[in-house]
Amino acid sequence: MPDSRIKDEDKYEALRDKGYSKEKSARIANTPDSGKKGGKAKDYEDRTKKDLYDEAKKVGIEGRSKMSKKELIHALRNN
């Protein structure tokens, strides 16, 4: 029996078949852009060392001033 509060019944039913709860299935099925790729940030490799340094500073990575670009990327990914 269709529920008028569910916007995408097919997605809802598929999620229920996978074992998701009714509530979680409804939340996902009612989100218009669910399943789409997230943020638009550039890859770390495409950023400048200064950009990476600034990001590392923002998240509080210690020793960033002595790090190479490769080390900054590693630290940001593993923070």
N, C-alpha and C. Protein backbone atom coordinates (compact mmCIF):
# COMPACT_ATOMS: atom_id res chain seq x y z
N MET A 1 0.84 -1.19 0.00
CA MET A 1 0.00 0.00 0.00
C MET A 1 0.88 1.24 0.00
N PRO A 2 0.81 2.06 -1.02
CA PRO A 2 1.65 3.26 -1.11
C PRO A 2 1.36 4.25 0.01
N ASP A 3 2.41 4.91 0.45
CA ASP A 3 2.31 5.93 1.49
C ASP A 3 2.49 7.28 0.79
N SER A 4 1.50 8.17 0.89
CA SER A 4 1.56 9.45 0.18
C SER A 4 2.68 10.34 0.67
N ARG A 5 3.28 10.02 1.83
CA ARG A 5 4.39 10.83 2.34
C ARG A 5 5.73 10.42 1.73
N ILE A 6 5.77 9.28 1.04
CA ILE A 6 6.99 8.81 0.39
C ILE A 6 7.03 9.37 -1.02
N LYS A 7 8.09 10.11 -1.33
CA LYS A 7 8.19 10.75 -2.65
C LYS A 7 8.66 9.80 -3.74
N ASP A 8 9.50 8.84 -3.39
CA ASP A 8 10.04 7.90 -4.37
C ASP A 8 9.80 6.48 -3.87
N GLU A 9 8.62 5.96 -4.18
CA GLU A 9 8.22 4.63 -3.69
C GLU A 9 9.17 3.52 -4.12
N ASP A 10 9.67 3.59 -5.36
CA ASP A 10 10.58 2.55 -5.85
C ASP A 10 11.87 2.52 -5.03
N LYS A 11 12.42 3.69 -4.77
CA LYS A 11 13.64 3.78 -3.97
C LYS A 11 13.37 3.29 -2.55
N TYR A 12 12.23 3.69 -2.00
CA TYR A 12 11.84 3.26 -0.65
C TYR A 12 11.78 1.74 -0.56
N GLU A 13 11.09 1.12 -1.50
CA GLU A 13 10.94 -0.34 -1.49
C GLU A 13 12.29 -1.04 -1.67
N ALA A 14 13.14 -0.49 -2.53
CA ALA A 14 14.47 -1.09 -2.75
C ALA A 14 15.29 -1.04 -1.46
N LEU A 15 15.21 0.06 -0.75
CA LEU A 15 15.93 0.20 0.52
C LEU A 15 15.38 -0.75 1.57
N ARG A 16 14.07 -0.89 1.62
CA ARG A 16 13.44 -1.82 2.57
C ARG A 16 13.88 -3.25 2.26
N ASP A 17 13.98 -3.59 0.96
CA ASP A 17 14.43 -4.92 0.56
C ASP A 17 15.87 -5.18 0.98
N LYS A 18 16.67 -4.12 1.07
CA LYS A 18 18.06 -4.25 1.51
C LYS A 18 18.17 -4.35 3.03
N GLY A 19 17.06 -4.15 3.73
CA GLY A 19 17.07 -4.28 5.18
C GLY A 19 17.08 -2.98 5.95
N TYR A 20 16.97 -1.86 5.27
CA TYR A 20 16.92 -0.57 5.95
C TYR A 20 15.59 -0.45 6.72
N SER A 21 15.62 0.31 7.82
CA SER A 21 14.40 0.53 8.59
C SER A 21 13.42 1.38 7.77
N LYS A 22 12.17 1.36 8.19
CA LYS A 22 11.15 2.18 7.51
C LYS A 22 11.53 3.66 7.57
N GLU A 23 11.99 4.09 8.74
CA GLU A 23 12.32 5.51 8.91
C GLU A 23 13.49 5.93 8.03
N LYS A 24 14.55 5.12 8.04
CA LYS A 24 15.72 5.47 7.24
C LYS A 24 15.39 5.41 5.75
N SER A 25 14.65 4.41 5.34
CA SER A 25 14.25 4.29 3.94
C SER A 25 13.43 5.50 3.50
N ALA A 26 12.52 5.95 4.36
CA ALA A 26 11.69 7.11 4.03
C ALA A 26 12.53 8.37 3.92
N ARG A 27 13.48 8.55 4.86
CA ARG A 27 14.34 9.74 4.81
C ARG A 27 15.11 9.79 3.50
N ILE A 28 15.70 8.65 3.12
CA ILE A 28 16.50 8.61 1.89
C ILE A 28 15.62 8.81 0.67
N ALA A 29 14.48 8.13 0.64
CA ALA A 29 13.58 8.22 -0.52
C ALA A 29 12.98 9.62 -0.67
N ASN A 30 12.90 10.36 0.42
CA ASN A 30 12.32 11.71 0.36
C ASN A 30 13.35 12.80 0.15
N THR A 31 14.63 12.44 0.07
CA THR A 31 15.68 13.42 -0.18
C THR A 31 15.87 13.52 -1.69
N PRO A 32 15.62 14.69 -2.26
CA PRO A 32 15.65 14.81 -3.72
C PRO A 32 16.98 14.47 -4.38
N ASP A 33 18.09 14.75 -3.71
CA ASP A 33 19.39 14.50 -4.35
C ASP A 33 20.14 13.34 -3.72
N SER A 34 19.44 12.44 -3.04
CA SER A 34 20.13 11.31 -2.44
C SER A 34 20.76 10.44 -3.52
N GLY A 35 21.93 9.94 -3.22
CA GLY A 35 22.64 9.10 -4.18
C GLY A 35 23.54 9.87 -5.12
N LYS A 36 23.48 11.18 -5.07
CA LYS A 36 24.36 11.99 -5.93
C LYS A 36 25.64 12.28 -5.20
N LYS A 37 26.71 12.46 -5.95
CA LYS A 37 28.01 12.74 -5.38
C LYS A 37 27.99 14.07 -4.63
N GLY A 38 28.71 14.10 -3.55
CA GLY A 38 28.72 15.26 -2.66
C GLY A 38 29.53 16.44 -3.16
N GLY A 39 30.32 17.02 -2.28
CA GLY A 39 31.02 18.29 -2.46
C GLY A 39 31.74 18.51 -3.77
N LYS A 40 32.06 19.73 -3.97
CA LYS A 40 32.73 20.15 -5.20
C LYS A 40 34.17 20.59 -4.97
N ALA A 41 34.73 20.20 -3.82
CA ALA A 41 36.10 20.61 -3.51
C ALA A 41 37.08 19.97 -4.49
N LYS A 42 38.16 20.73 -4.79
CA LYS A 42 39.20 20.20 -5.67
C LYS A 42 39.95 19.08 -4.96
N ASP A 43 40.50 18.16 -5.72
CA ASP A 43 41.37 17.13 -5.15
C ASP A 43 42.56 17.82 -4.50
N TYR A 44 43.07 17.21 -3.43
CA TYR A 44 44.23 17.79 -2.75
C TYR A 44 45.40 17.98 -3.72
N GLU A 45 45.59 17.03 -4.62
CA GLU A 45 46.72 17.12 -5.56
C GLU A 45 46.61 18.34 -6.48
N ASP A 46 45.40 18.83 -6.69
CA ASP A 46 45.19 19.98 -7.57
C ASP A 46 45.32 21.32 -6.85
N ARG A 47 45.48 21.29 -5.53
CA ARG A 47 45.60 22.51 -4.74
C ARG A 47 47.06 22.91 -4.59
N THR A 48 47.28 24.17 -4.28
CA THR A 48 48.64 24.63 -4.05
C THR A 48 49.08 24.23 -2.64
N LYS A 49 50.39 24.26 -2.41
CA LYS A 49 50.90 23.93 -1.08
C LYS A 49 50.36 24.92 -0.06
N LYS A 50 50.23 26.19 -0.44
CA LYS A 50 49.70 27.20 0.47
C LYS A 50 48.25 26.88 0.84
N ASP A 51 47.45 26.48 -0.13
CA ASP A 51 46.06 26.10 0.15
C ASP A 51 46.00 24.93 1.13
N LEU A 52 46.87 23.95 0.90
CA LEU A 52 46.91 22.78 1.79
C LEU A 52 47.37 23.19 3.19
N TYR A 53 48.36 24.07 3.26
CA TYR A 53 48.84 24.58 4.54
C TYR A 53 47.71 25.29 5.30
N ASP A 54 46.99 26.15 4.59
CA ASP A 54 45.88 26.87 5.21
C ASP A 54 44.81 25.92 5.73
N GLU A 55 44.51 24.89 4.97
CA GLU A 55 43.53 23.89 5.40
C GLU A 55 44.04 23.13 6.62
N ALA A 56 45.32 22.77 6.61
CA ALA A 56 45.93 22.07 7.74
C ALA A 56 45.89 22.95 8.99
N LYS A 57 46.11 24.23 8.81
CA LYS A 57 46.06 25.17 9.93
C LYS A 57 44.64 25.24 10.50
N LYS A 58 43.68 25.28 9.59
CA LYS A 58 42.27 25.38 9.99
C LYS A 58 41.85 24.17 10.83
N VAL A 59 42.35 22.98 10.50
CA VAL A 59 41.95 21.77 11.24
C VAL A 59 42.93 21.43 12.36
N GLY A 60 43.97 22.25 12.52
CA GLY A 60 44.87 22.09 13.67
C GLY A 60 45.93 21.01 13.55
N ILE A 61 46.46 20.80 12.36
CA ILE A 61 47.52 19.80 12.18
C ILE A 61 48.85 20.38 12.65
N GLU A 62 49.46 19.69 13.60
CA GLU A 62 50.74 20.13 14.17
C GLU A 62 51.89 19.84 13.20
N GLY A 63 52.91 20.69 13.19
CA GLY A 63 54.10 20.48 12.36
C GLY A 63 53.91 20.79 10.90
N ARG A 64 52.83 21.44 10.56
CA ARG A 64 52.51 21.69 9.15
C ARG A 64 53.52 22.59 8.45
N SER A 65 54.17 23.47 9.19
CA SER A 65 55.10 24.41 8.54
C SER A 65 56.33 23.70 7.98
N LYS A 66 56.64 22.52 8.49
CA LYS A 66 57.80 21.78 8.00
C LYS A 66 57.43 20.69 7.00
N MET A 67 56.16 20.58 6.67
CA MET A 67 55.69 19.50 5.79
C MET A 67 55.78 19.88 4.32
N SER A 68 56.07 18.88 3.51
CA SER A 68 56.02 19.04 2.06
C SER A 68 54.56 18.96 1.62
N LYS A 69 54.32 19.25 0.37
CA LYS A 69 52.96 19.16 -0.16
C LYS A 69 52.43 17.74 0.01
N LYS A 70 53.24 16.76 -0.29
CA LYS A 70 52.83 15.36 -0.16
C LYS A 70 52.50 15.02 1.29
N GLU A 71 53.30 15.52 2.22
CA GLU A 71 53.06 15.26 3.64
C GLU A 71 51.78 15.96 4.13
N LEU A 72 51.54 17.18 3.62
CA LEU A 72 50.31 17.88 3.98
C LEU A 72 49.08 17.10 3.50
N ILE A 73 49.15 16.60 2.28
CA ILE A 73 48.05 15.80 1.74
C ILE A 73 47.81 14.59 2.62
N HIS A 74 48.86 13.89 2.98
CA HIS A 74 48.74 12.70 3.83
C HIS A 74 48.12 13.06 5.18
N ALA A 75 48.60 14.16 5.78
CA ALA A 75 48.09 14.58 7.09
C ALA A 75 46.62 14.97 7.01
N LEU A 76 46.22 15.66 5.96
CA LEU A 76 44.82 16.07 5.81
C LEU A 76 43.92 14.86 5.60
N ARG A 77 44.36 13.91 4.83
CA ARG A 77 43.54 12.72 4.58
C ARG A 77 43.42 11.84 5.81
N ASN A 78 44.39 11.89 6.69
CA ASN A 78 44.39 11.00 7.85
C ASN A 78 44.07 11.72 9.14
N ASN A 79 43.56 12.93 9.04
CA ASN A 79 43.22 13.71 10.22
C ASN A 79 41.92 13.27 10.79
